[in-house]
Amino acid sequence: MNLYVQYNLRNNLNNLRFLRENSYWYKYLNRSSNYLPLLEKEMKIRYKLTPKDKLDRFTKNIDKVSELIDIFS
């Protein structure tokens, strides 16, 4: 694994955690650093960090707040 990949993994704890949980990615990252964006993409999908997931969470939070307001009104 080249230094760029190692540096990137150490600085992004989500990537490192995902790599430890899914060890088959070591093989790909050892072959080429071109797999790093794919790892990040899969990590975001697994941990629900995509913009769509963030928007869904925000919408759910807004709904919860509106329900609380309705209850206390």
N, C-alpha and C. Protein backbone atom coordinates (compact mmCIF):
# COMPACT_ATOMS: atom_id res chain seq x y z
N MET A 1 0.86 -1.16 0.00
CA MET A 1 0.00 0.00 0.00
C MET A 1 0.91 1.24 0.00
N ASN A 2 0.63 2.15 -0.88
CA ASN A 2 1.52 3.31 -0.96
C ASN A 2 1.21 4.32 0.16
N LEU A 3 2.08 5.29 0.30
CA LEU A 3 1.98 6.24 1.41
C LEU A 3 0.74 7.12 1.31
N TYR A 4 0.36 7.47 0.09
CA TYR A 4 -0.84 8.30 -0.07
C TYR A 4 -2.07 7.60 0.51
N VAL A 5 -2.22 6.34 0.22
CA VAL A 5 -3.37 5.58 0.72
C VAL A 5 -3.31 5.47 2.24
N GLN A 6 -2.15 5.17 2.76
CA GLN A 6 -1.99 5.05 4.21
C GLN A 6 -2.31 6.37 4.90
N TYR A 7 -1.81 7.44 4.35
CA TYR A 7 -2.07 8.77 4.93
C TYR A 7 -3.56 9.08 4.91
N ASN A 8 -4.20 8.80 3.80
CA ASN A 8 -5.63 9.07 3.67
C ASN A 8 -6.44 8.24 4.67
N LEU A 9 -6.08 6.99 4.84
CA LEU A 9 -6.80 6.13 5.77
C LEU A 9 -6.62 6.58 7.21
N ARG A 10 -5.43 7.00 7.56
CA ARG A 10 -5.17 7.43 8.93
C ARG A 10 -5.89 8.75 9.25
N ASN A 11 -6.10 9.57 8.26
CA ASN A 11 -6.76 10.85 8.49
C ASN A 11 -8.28 10.78 8.43
N ASN A 12 -8.80 9.73 7.87
CA ASN A 12 -10.25 9.56 7.82
C ASN A 12 -10.60 8.29 8.61
N LEU A 13 -11.07 8.48 9.82
CA LEU A 13 -11.32 7.34 10.69
C LEU A 13 -12.45 6.45 10.20
N ASN A 14 -13.41 7.01 9.49
CA ASN A 14 -14.47 6.18 8.92
C ASN A 14 -13.92 5.22 7.88
N ASN A 15 -13.00 5.70 7.05
CA ASN A 15 -12.39 4.82 6.06
C ASN A 15 -11.59 3.71 6.75
N LEU A 16 -10.86 4.07 7.77
CA LEU A 16 -10.05 3.09 8.48
C LEU A 16 -10.93 2.05 9.16
N ARG A 17 -11.99 2.49 9.79
CA ARG A 17 -12.91 1.56 10.44
C ARG A 17 -13.56 0.63 9.41
N PHE A 18 -13.96 1.21 8.28
CA PHE A 18 -14.57 0.40 7.24
C PHE A 18 -13.57 -0.63 6.70
N LEU A 19 -12.34 -0.22 6.54
CA LEU A 19 -11.31 -1.14 6.05
C LEU A 19 -11.08 -2.27 7.03
N ARG A 20 -11.07 -1.98 8.29
CA ARG A 20 -10.88 -3.03 9.29
C ARG A 20 -12.06 -3.99 9.34
N GLU A 21 -13.24 -3.49 9.11
CA GLU A 21 -14.43 -4.35 9.12
C GLU A 21 -14.54 -5.18 7.85
N ASN A 22 -13.98 -4.67 6.76
CA ASN A 22 -14.06 -5.35 5.46
C ASN A 22 -12.65 -5.54 4.92
N SER A 23 -12.00 -6.54 5.42
CA SER A 23 -10.57 -6.71 5.16
C SER A 23 -10.25 -7.05 3.71
N TYR A 24 -11.22 -7.46 2.93
CA TYR A 24 -10.93 -7.76 1.52
C TYR A 24 -10.46 -6.53 0.76
N TRP A 25 -10.74 -5.33 1.31
CA TRP A 25 -10.29 -4.10 0.65
C TRP A 25 -8.79 -3.92 0.72
N TYR A 26 -8.12 -4.56 1.67
CA TYR A 26 -6.66 -4.47 1.74
C TYR A 26 -6.03 -4.96 0.44
N LYS A 27 -6.57 -6.02 -0.08
CA LYS A 27 -6.04 -6.59 -1.32
C LYS A 27 -6.12 -5.57 -2.46
N TYR A 28 -7.25 -4.92 -2.58
CA TYR A 28 -7.41 -3.95 -3.66
C TYR A 28 -6.52 -2.72 -3.47
N LEU A 29 -6.44 -2.24 -2.25
CA LEU A 29 -5.62 -1.06 -1.99
C LEU A 29 -4.14 -1.35 -2.12
N ASN A 30 -3.74 -2.57 -1.86
CA ASN A 30 -2.34 -2.93 -2.07
C ASN A 30 -2.00 -2.98 -3.56
N ARG A 31 -2.97 -3.32 -4.36
CA ARG A 31 -2.72 -3.38 -5.80
C ARG A 31 -2.62 -2.00 -6.43
N SER A 32 -3.52 -1.12 -6.04
CA SER A 32 -3.54 0.19 -6.67
C SER A 32 -4.26 1.20 -5.78
N SER A 33 -3.78 2.43 -5.82
CA SER A 33 -4.45 3.48 -5.05
C SER A 33 -5.71 3.98 -5.75
N ASN A 34 -5.96 3.51 -6.96
CA ASN A 34 -7.16 3.91 -7.70
C ASN A 34 -8.44 3.37 -7.07
N TYR A 35 -8.29 2.40 -6.18
CA TYR A 35 -9.46 1.82 -5.51
C TYR A 35 -9.91 2.64 -4.30
N LEU A 36 -9.13 3.60 -3.90
CA LEU A 36 -9.49 4.40 -2.72
C LEU A 36 -10.83 5.13 -2.88
N PRO A 37 -11.09 5.78 -4.01
CA PRO A 37 -12.43 6.40 -4.16
C PRO A 37 -13.58 5.40 -4.10
N LEU A 38 -13.34 4.19 -4.59
CA LEU A 38 -14.38 3.17 -4.50
C LEU A 38 -14.63 2.75 -3.05
N LEU A 39 -13.56 2.64 -2.30
CA LEU A 39 -13.69 2.32 -0.88
C LEU A 39 -14.47 3.42 -0.17
N GLU A 40 -14.15 4.67 -0.46
CA GLU A 40 -14.85 5.79 0.18
C GLU A 40 -16.33 5.80 -0.19
N LYS A 41 -16.61 5.50 -1.44
CA LYS A 41 -18.00 5.47 -1.89
C LYS A 41 -18.78 4.37 -1.17
N GLU A 42 -18.19 3.19 -1.08
CA GLU A 42 -18.87 2.09 -0.40
C GLU A 42 -19.01 2.37 1.10
N MET A 43 -18.01 3.00 1.68
CA MET A 43 -18.07 3.36 3.09
C MET A 43 -19.22 4.33 3.34
N LYS A 44 -19.38 5.33 2.49
CA LYS A 44 -20.45 6.30 2.66
C LYS A 44 -21.82 5.64 2.53
N ILE A 45 -21.92 4.68 1.64
CA ILE A 45 -23.19 3.97 1.49
C ILE A 45 -23.47 3.12 2.73
N ARG A 46 -22.46 2.42 3.21
CA ARG A 46 -22.63 1.54 4.36
C ARG A 46 -22.98 2.31 5.63
N TYR A 47 -22.29 3.43 5.85
CA TYR A 47 -22.51 4.20 7.07
C TYR A 47 -23.54 5.31 6.89
N LYS A 48 -24.19 5.31 5.75
CA LYS A 48 -25.26 6.27 5.44
C LYS A 48 -24.78 7.71 5.60
N LEU A 49 -23.74 8.04 4.86
CA LEU A 49 -23.19 9.39 4.87
C LEU A 49 -23.35 10.10 3.54
N THR A 50 -24.16 9.55 2.68
CA THR A 50 -24.40 10.18 1.39
C THR A 50 -25.32 11.38 1.57
N PRO A 51 -25.32 12.31 0.65
CA PRO A 51 -26.21 13.48 0.77
C PRO A 51 -27.68 13.09 0.90
N LYS A 52 -28.08 12.06 0.19
CA LYS A 52 -29.48 11.62 0.27
C LYS A 52 -29.81 11.14 1.68
N ASP A 53 -28.90 10.39 2.29
CA ASP A 53 -29.13 9.90 3.65
C ASP A 53 -29.16 11.05 4.65
N LYS A 54 -28.29 12.01 4.46
CA LYS A 54 -28.27 13.17 5.35
C LYS A 54 -29.57 13.96 5.24
N LEU A 55 -30.06 14.11 4.03
CA LEU A 55 -31.32 14.82 3.83
C LEU A 55 -32.48 14.05 4.47
N ASP A 56 -32.49 12.75 4.35
CA ASP A 56 -33.53 11.94 4.98
C ASP A 56 -33.51 12.09 6.50
N ARG A 57 -32.32 12.06 7.09
CA ARG A 57 -32.22 12.25 8.54
C ARG A 57 -32.72 13.62 8.95
N PHE A 58 -32.36 14.62 8.18
CA PHE A 58 -32.81 15.98 8.48
C PHE A 58 -34.34 16.07 8.40
N THR A 59 -34.90 15.47 7.39
CA THR A 59 -36.36 15.49 7.22
C THR A 59 -37.04 14.77 8.39
N LYS A 60 -36.49 13.66 8.81
CA LYS A 60 -37.06 12.94 9.95
C LYS A 60 -36.99 13.79 11.21
N ASN A 61 -35.89 14.49 11.39
CA ASN A 61 -35.77 15.34 12.58
C ASN A 61 -36.78 16.48 12.55
N ILE A 62 -36.98 17.05 11.39
CA ILE A 62 -37.97 18.12 11.25
C ILE A 62 -39.37 17.58 11.56
N ASP A 63 -39.68 16.39 11.08
CA ASP A 63 -40.97 15.77 11.37
C ASP A 63 -41.16 15.53 12.86
N LYS A 64 -40.11 15.08 13.53
CA LYS A 64 -40.20 14.86 14.97
C LYS A 64 -40.46 16.16 15.72
N VAL A 65 -39.77 17.20 15.33
CA VAL A 65 -39.96 18.50 15.97
C VAL A 65 -41.37 19.01 15.73
N SER A 66 -41.87 18.86 14.53
CA SER A 66 -43.22 19.33 14.24
C SER A 66 -44.26 18.53 15.03
N GLU A 67 -44.02 17.23 15.21
CA GLU A 67 -44.94 16.44 16.02
C GLU A 67 -44.92 16.90 17.48
N LEU A 68 -43.74 17.20 17.98
CA LEU A 68 -43.64 17.70 19.36
C LEU A 68 -44.37 19.04 19.51
N ILE A 69 -44.22 19.88 18.55
CA ILE A 69 -44.91 21.17 18.59
C ILE A 69 -46.42 20.97 18.57
N ASP A 70 -46.87 20.03 17.75
CA ASP A 70 -48.31 19.73 17.68
C ASP A 70 -48.82 19.19 19.02
N ILE A 71 -48.03 18.37 19.65
CA ILE A 71 -48.44 17.78 20.92
C ILE A 71 -48.59 18.86 22.00
N PHE A 72 -47.64 19.78 22.06
CA PHE A 72 -47.65 20.80 23.10
C PHE A 72 -48.53 21.99 22.76
N SER A 73 -49.07 22.04 21.56
CA SER A 73 -49.93 23.16 21.19
C SER A 73 -51.36 22.93 21.58
